[in-house]
Protein backbone atom coordinates (compact mmCIF):
# COMPACT_ATOMS: atom_id res chain seq x y z
CA MET A 1 0.00 0.00 0.00
CA PRO A 2 1.40 3.33 -0.94
CA VAL A 3 2.45 5.69 1.92
CA ASN A 4 0.19 8.74 2.43
CA THR A 5 2.55 11.64 2.25
CA ALA A 6 1.21 15.04 3.51
CA TYR A 7 0.91 17.75 1.00
CA ARG A 8 3.25 20.61 1.30
CA HIS A 9 3.12 23.91 -0.42
CA PRO A 10 5.83 24.13 -2.91
CA SER A 11 7.20 27.24 -1.27
CA CYS A 12 7.63 25.42 2.01
CA ARG A 13 9.29 22.38 0.65
CA GLY A 14 12.72 22.03 2.09
CA HIS A 15 12.29 25.15 4.35
CA SER A 16 11.29 23.90 7.81
CA PRO A 17 11.64 26.46 10.64
CA PRO A 18 15.12 26.27 12.18
CA MET A 19 15.51 24.88 15.67
CA PRO A 20 17.05 27.05 18.39
CA ASP A 21 20.29 25.13 18.28
CA GLN A 22 20.34 25.72 14.62
CA LEU A 23 20.33 29.55 14.86
CA PRO A 24 23.33 31.27 13.49
CA SER A 25 25.88 32.20 16.06
CA GLY A 26 25.77 35.84 17.28
CA ARG A 27 22.09 36.30 16.53
CA LYS A 28 19.93 37.48 19.47
CA VAL A 29 16.50 36.27 20.18
CA GLU A 30 14.15 39.19 20.60
CA THR A 31 11.36 38.83 23.13
CA LEU A 32 8.14 39.69 21.56
CA PRO A 33 5.40 41.43 23.50
CA ARG A 34 2.49 39.46 24.75
CA PRO A 35 -0.36 39.23 22.31
CA GLY A 36 -2.69 42.20 22.64
CA MET A 37 -0.17 44.30 24.75
CA SER A 38 1.99 47.01 23.26
CA GLY A 39 5.43 48.11 24.62
CA ALA A 40 4.05 51.43 25.96
CA THR A 41 1.50 49.55 28.05
CA THR A 42 4.23 47.43 29.61
CA VAL A 43 6.25 50.50 30.60
CA THR A 44 3.18 52.12 32.13
CA MET A 45 2.48 49.04 34.25
CA HIS A 46 6.07 49.00 35.52
CA ARG A 47 5.80 52.66 36.50
CA GLN A 48 2.48 52.12 38.29
CA LEU A 49 3.91 49.16 40.19
CA SER A 50 6.99 51.18 41.23
CA ALA A 51 4.81 54.10 42.38
CA HIS A 52 2.61 51.70 44.39
CA TRP A 53 5.58 50.21 46.24
CA GLY A 54 7.03 53.70 46.77
CA ARG A 55 3.82 54.80 48.47
CA GLN A 56 3.83 51.70 50.64
CA VAL A 57 7.41 52.33 51.74
CA ALA A 58 6.67 56.00 52.49
CA VAL A 59 3.66 55.04 54.62
CA LEU A 60 5.75 52.50 56.52
CA VAL A 61 8.55 55.01 57.19
CA ALA A 62 6.03 57.63 58.37
CA PHE A 63 4.42 55.08 60.69
CA LEU A 64 7.76 54.11 62.20
CA LEU A 65 8.67 57.77 62.67
CA VAL A 66 5.40 58.47 64.48
CA CYS A 67 5.99 55.45 66.71
CA VAL A 68 9.51 56.61 67.63
CA VAL A 69 8.39 60.16 68.41
CA GLY A 70 5.43 58.94 70.44
CA PHE A 71 7.61 56.54 72.39
CA ARG A 72 10.11 59.26 73.26
CA TRP A 73 7.35 61.68 74.27
CA LEU A 74 5.55 59.11 76.37
CA PHE A 75 8.56 57.82 78.28
CA GLY A 76 10.74 60.93 78.11
CA THR A 77 8.22 63.28 79.75
CA ARG A 78 7.05 60.85 82.40
CA ARG A 79 8.13 62.25 85.72
CA VAL A 80 9.62 60.03 88.31
CA PRO A 81 7.48 60.29 91.41
CA ALA A 82 9.30 62.26 94.07
CA ALA A 83 10.22 60.45 97.20
CA PRO A 84 8.16 61.47 100.18
CA ALA A 85 9.77 64.42 101.88
CA GLY A 86 11.18 63.62 105.23
CA PRO A 87 11.95 66.00 108.02
CA PRO A 88 14.52 68.65 107.03
CA PRO A 89 18.06 67.96 108.23
CA ARG A 90 18.76 69.54 111.51
CA ILE A 91 21.50 72.13 111.51
CA ASP A 92 22.79 73.12 114.87
CA VAL A 93 23.50 76.84 114.71
CA PRO A 94 25.13 78.25 117.80
CA SER A 95 23.06 80.99 119.33
CA PRO A 96 24.65 84.42 119.11
CA PRO A 97 26.12 85.72 122.31
CA HIS A 98 23.84 87.97 124.26
CA HIS A 99 25.02 91.48 123.55
CA ALA A 100 23.93 92.88 126.91
CA ALA A 101 25.93 90.22 128.74
CA SER A 102 29.20 91.52 127.29
CA ILE A 103 28.49 95.15 128.24
CA PRO A 104 30.00 96.31 131.53
CA HIS A 105 27.52 96.92 134.36
CA THR A 106 29.03 99.53 136.64
CA THR A 107 28.06 99.78 140.23
CA GLU A 108 29.38 101.68 143.21
CA ALA A 109 31.48 98.65 144.12
CA GLU A 110 32.56 97.95 140.52
CA PRO A 111 32.68 101.32 138.68
CA ARG A 112 35.13 100.27 135.94
CA ILE A 113 34.03 100.96 132.35
CA ALA A 114 37.24 100.48 130.34
CA THR A 115 40.99 101.11 130.40
CA ILE A 116 42.89 103.95 128.78
CA ASP A 117 44.53 101.49 126.39
CA GLU A 118 41.11 100.42 125.14
CA MET A 119 40.08 103.99 124.35
CA THR A 120 43.15 105.40 122.59
CA ARG A 121 41.51 106.09 119.21
CA PRO A 122 39.57 109.39 118.96
CA TRP A 123 35.81 108.90 118.71
CA SER A 124 36.08 105.32 119.93
CA ALA A 125 33.15 104.39 122.17
CA ARG A 126 32.20 101.81 124.76
CA GLU A 127 28.67 100.91 125.83
CA PHE A 128 27.96 100.24 129.50
CA PHE A 129 25.19 100.27 132.06
CA TYR A 130 25.29 102.64 134.97
CA GLN A 131 23.36 101.63 138.07
CA ASN A 132 21.82 104.58 139.81
CA ASN A 133 22.36 103.98 143.51
CA LYS A 134 19.49 106.22 144.52
CA THR A 135 16.81 104.74 142.25
CA GLY A 136 18.32 101.30 141.62
CA GLU A 137 17.75 101.82 137.91
CA SER A 138 20.28 100.42 135.43
CA VAL A 139 20.76 103.17 132.85
CA PRO A 140 22.13 102.41 129.36
CA ALA A 141 25.14 104.68 128.81
CA LEU A 142 27.99 105.41 126.42
CA LEU A 143 31.64 106.40 126.89
CA ILE A 144 33.22 108.40 124.04
CA ARG A 145 36.91 109.21 123.62
CA LEU A 146 37.04 112.84 122.52
CA PRO A 147 39.64 114.08 120.01
CA VAL A 148 40.64 116.73 122.57
CA GLY A 149 42.01 116.47 126.10
CA SER A 150 44.32 113.97 127.72
CA ALA A 151 43.48 110.27 127.85
CA ALA A 152 44.67 110.29 131.46
CA GLU A 153 42.10 112.97 132.42
CA PRO A 154 38.29 112.77 132.66
CA GLY A 155 38.09 115.77 130.30
CA GLY A 156 39.33 113.58 127.46
CA TYR A 157 36.05 111.62 127.55
CA TRP A 158 32.31 112.12 127.54
CA ALA A 159 30.01 109.65 129.30
CA LEU A 160 26.28 110.12 128.93
CA SER A 161 22.98 108.41 129.52
CA MET A 162 21.49 107.05 126.29
CA ASN A 163 17.97 107.69 127.54
CA ALA A 164 16.58 110.85 125.95
CA PRO A 165 16.35 113.82 128.38
CA SER A 166 12.60 113.83 127.84
CA GLY A 167 10.29 111.13 126.53
CA ASP A 168 10.99 107.44 126.14
CA CYS A 169 13.34 107.50 123.13
CA GLN A 170 16.73 105.84 123.04
CA LEU A 171 19.58 108.01 121.76
CA GLU A 172 22.03 106.78 119.14
CA TYR A 173 25.69 107.37 118.37
CA ILE A 174 26.06 108.36 114.70
CA THR A 175 29.58 108.09 113.31
CA LYS A 176 28.84 108.30 109.55
CA PRO A 177 28.12 111.74 108.04
CA PRO A 178 25.84 110.30 105.30
CA GLU A 179 23.51 108.99 107.98
CA LEU A 180 23.36 112.43 109.58
CA ARG A 181 22.42 113.97 106.25
CA LYS A 182 19.91 111.28 105.31
CA ASP A 183 18.22 110.53 108.64
CA TYR A 184 18.50 113.93 110.32
CA GLN A 185 18.89 116.32 107.37
CA PHE A 186 21.86 117.70 109.27
CA ARG A 187 24.14 120.15 107.43
CA GLY A 188 26.46 121.13 110.28
CA PRO A 189 29.95 119.87 111.20
CA MET A 190 30.56 116.32 109.95
CA HIS A 191 31.95 114.45 112.94
CA PRO A 192 30.30 111.82 115.15
CA MET A 193 27.17 113.06 116.89
CA ILE A 194 24.50 111.89 119.29
CA GLY A 195 21.02 111.84 117.78
CA ASN A 196 17.47 111.57 119.06
CA PRO A 197 15.58 109.59 116.38
CA CYS A 198 12.22 110.70 117.78
CA SER A 199 12.72 114.46 117.69
CA ARG A 200 15.58 114.51 115.14
CA THR A 201 17.64 116.49 117.59
CA VAL A 202 21.43 116.35 117.12
CA TYR A 203 23.84 116.75 120.05
CA ASP A 204 27.46 117.80 119.46
CA PRO A 205 30.00 116.05 121.76
CA LEU A 206 32.44 118.94 121.26
CA LYS A 207 29.96 121.63 122.19
CA LEU A 208 29.23 122.79 125.76
CA SER A 209 25.89 124.16 126.85
CA ASN A 210 25.10 126.44 129.82
CA LEU A 211 22.12 125.31 131.86
CA PRO A 212 20.21 127.40 134.38
CA GLY A 213 22.28 127.88 137.52
CA ASN A 214 25.41 128.50 135.40
CA VAL A 215 26.05 124.78 134.97
CA TRP A 216 28.09 123.82 131.92
CA VAL A 217 27.39 120.44 130.40
CA ARG A 218 28.71 118.69 127.33
CA GLY A 219 26.59 117.79 124.31
CA GLY A 220 25.16 121.12 123.23
CA ILE A 221 22.22 121.01 120.83
CA ALA A 222 23.41 121.49 117.22
CA GLN A 223 19.97 120.99 115.71
CA GLY A 224 16.51 120.19 117.01
CA SER A 225 13.94 121.11 119.63
CA ASP A 226 14.97 119.12 122.73
CA LEU A 227 15.15 121.21 125.88
CA ARG A 228 18.60 120.19 127.07
CA PRO A 229 21.61 117.91 126.36
CA PRO A 230 21.66 114.29 127.54
CA LEU A 231 22.32 113.56 131.21
CA GLY A 232 26.06 113.30 131.81
CA ILE A 233 27.84 110.66 133.90
CA GLU A 234 30.72 111.74 136.11
CA LEU A 235 34.06 110.04 135.44
CA GLU A 236 37.34 109.40 137.21
CA VAL A 237 40.60 107.94 135.87
CA ARG A 238 42.52 105.77 138.32
CA ARG A 239 45.57 103.70 137.45
CA LYS A 240 44.63 103.72 133.76
CA GLU A 241 41.07 102.65 134.51
CA ILE A 242 38.09 104.81 133.55
CA LEU A 243 35.44 104.72 136.26
CA ALA A 244 31.80 105.88 136.42
CA VAL A 245 31.24 107.52 139.81
CA GLY A 246 28.00 109.50 139.48
CA ILE A 247 25.21 110.72 137.21
CA GLU A 248 23.89 114.20 136.58
CA LYS A 249 20.78 115.08 138.53
């Protein structure tokens, strides 16, 4: 029986498609686009896919950034609860010495106020209390070394009661001229003065005043309305010791 041979078009006879291993060397195989899809469409899809993944990455980075900032804010601003306050530490501060205890208290038996050596500087002063033997009152007083007179003589000093001659005010020893100008509006000689802060009267330790009965006392009024100088305390100097022996009546 004769063999049934398939019919071939004359143009195809002897021209079967070459196999891949039969391609000439050096020839590249070009990838053809998928049926129904052009090259521009393929590029567009790649761009859309890249943009989609870019948005996803941006969202993820933003989320992580928000988490980090929130974590730092939450735990960074949290205050550590303060420990309950206990009693404050005790600091032992020595009490200041009582000023009045260091001031001499002169009596008839113990009249010593100071020594000459302690009062060598002009206008130096020493506070003391003078006990009035007649009334029993302890009077606050002041001893001033004058810039005139001998240190070995009572005339080189002025001792006075610091109680105002009238009223209940306490006199003060003013050694700074600015205080005289500011507190007393005083425009006179600028050396230490005795002042009455209640009446703004100024007494001059270098000035003498004549009282009725032709009695001369120290501490004449340089300014103010007080009736008389402060009460003076009588002094004696014995063996370089300055003693208070009486008070003006």
